[in-house]
């Protein structure tokens, strides 16, 4: 059993959020990347040239 890093409850498997495509602003341009939620304020980019960078939710234009 594991402790969930988001809610603190004991679970059988750690929660693995599914990646989704996000469109976000970077230097006044709109970029697209595959990302997973890191916490309530940020998404972590999982693939591409911005891999492992965080994107604030206020910079996200669209999630799909």
Protein backbone atom coordinates (compact mmCIF):
# COMPACT_ATOMS: atom_id res chain seq x y z
CA UNK A 1 0.00 0.00 0.00
CA UNK A 2 1.05 3.53 -0.71
CA UNK A 3 0.17 6.97 0.62
CA UNK A 4 -1.34 9.24 -2.03
CA UNK A 5 0.82 12.33 -2.48
CA UNK A 6 -2.25 14.47 -3.24
CA UNK A 7 -4.74 13.53 -0.51
CA UNK A 8 -2.72 11.51 2.04
CA UNK A 9 -4.99 8.44 1.96
CA UNK A 10 -3.64 4.91 1.84
CA UNK A 11 -4.15 3.41 -1.63
CA UNK A 12 -3.19 0.16 -3.29
CA UNK A 13 -1.39 1.83 -6.20
CA UNK A 14 0.06 5.30 -6.49
CA UNK A 15 -2.12 7.67 -8.48
CA UNK A 16 -0.78 8.15 -11.99
CA UNK A 17 -2.45 11.09 -13.74
CA UNK A 18 -2.99 10.61 -17.47
CA UNK A 19 -1.17 13.07 -19.72
CA UNK A 20 -3.21 15.50 -21.81
CA UNK A 21 -2.32 18.02 -24.50
CA UNK A 22 -2.22 21.62 -23.34
CA UNK A 23 -1.85 24.86 -25.26
CA UNK A 24 0.02 27.51 -23.28
CA UNK A 25 1.69 30.89 -23.68
CA UNK A 26 5.49 31.02 -23.83
CA UNK A 27 7.17 34.33 -24.74
CA UNK A 28 3.87 35.65 -26.16
CA UNK A 29 3.54 32.62 -28.48
CA UNK A 30 1.14 29.72 -28.10
CA UNK A 31 2.89 26.36 -27.71
CA UNK A 32 1.46 22.82 -27.49
CA UNK A 33 2.79 20.05 -25.26
CA UNK A 34 1.85 16.83 -23.51
CA UNK A 35 1.56 17.41 -19.75
CA UNK A 36 0.32 15.96 -16.46
CA UNK A 37 -1.01 17.88 -13.45
CA UNK A 38 1.74 18.43 -10.87
CA UNK A 39 -0.48 20.08 -8.23
CA UNK A 40 -3.34 22.59 -8.16
CA UNK A 41 -1.26 25.34 -9.74
CA UNK A 42 1.09 23.69 -12.25
CA UNK A 43 1.28 21.16 -15.06
CA UNK A 44 4.55 19.31 -15.76
CA UNK A 45 5.44 18.87 -19.44
CA UNK A 46 6.32 15.24 -20.22
CA UNK A 47 7.49 15.37 -23.85
CA UNK A 48 9.02 17.83 -26.28
CA UNK A 49 11.53 20.65 -26.08
CA UNK A 50 10.10 21.92 -22.76
CA UNK A 51 10.23 18.50 -21.05
CA UNK A 52 10.15 18.61 -17.21
CA UNK A 53 9.25 22.32 -17.15
CA UNK A 54 6.26 23.56 -15.19
CA UNK A 55 3.42 25.59 -16.71
CA UNK A 56 1.23 27.69 -14.44
CA UNK A 57 -2.52 27.20 -14.91
CA UNK A 58 -2.93 30.92 -15.71
CA UNK A 59 -0.70 30.44 -18.79
CA UNK A 60 -2.78 27.54 -20.17
CA UNK A 61 -5.05 28.50 -23.05
CA UNK A 62 -6.72 25.13 -23.58
CA UNK A 63 -6.58 21.51 -22.36
CA UNK A 64 -7.62 18.62 -24.60
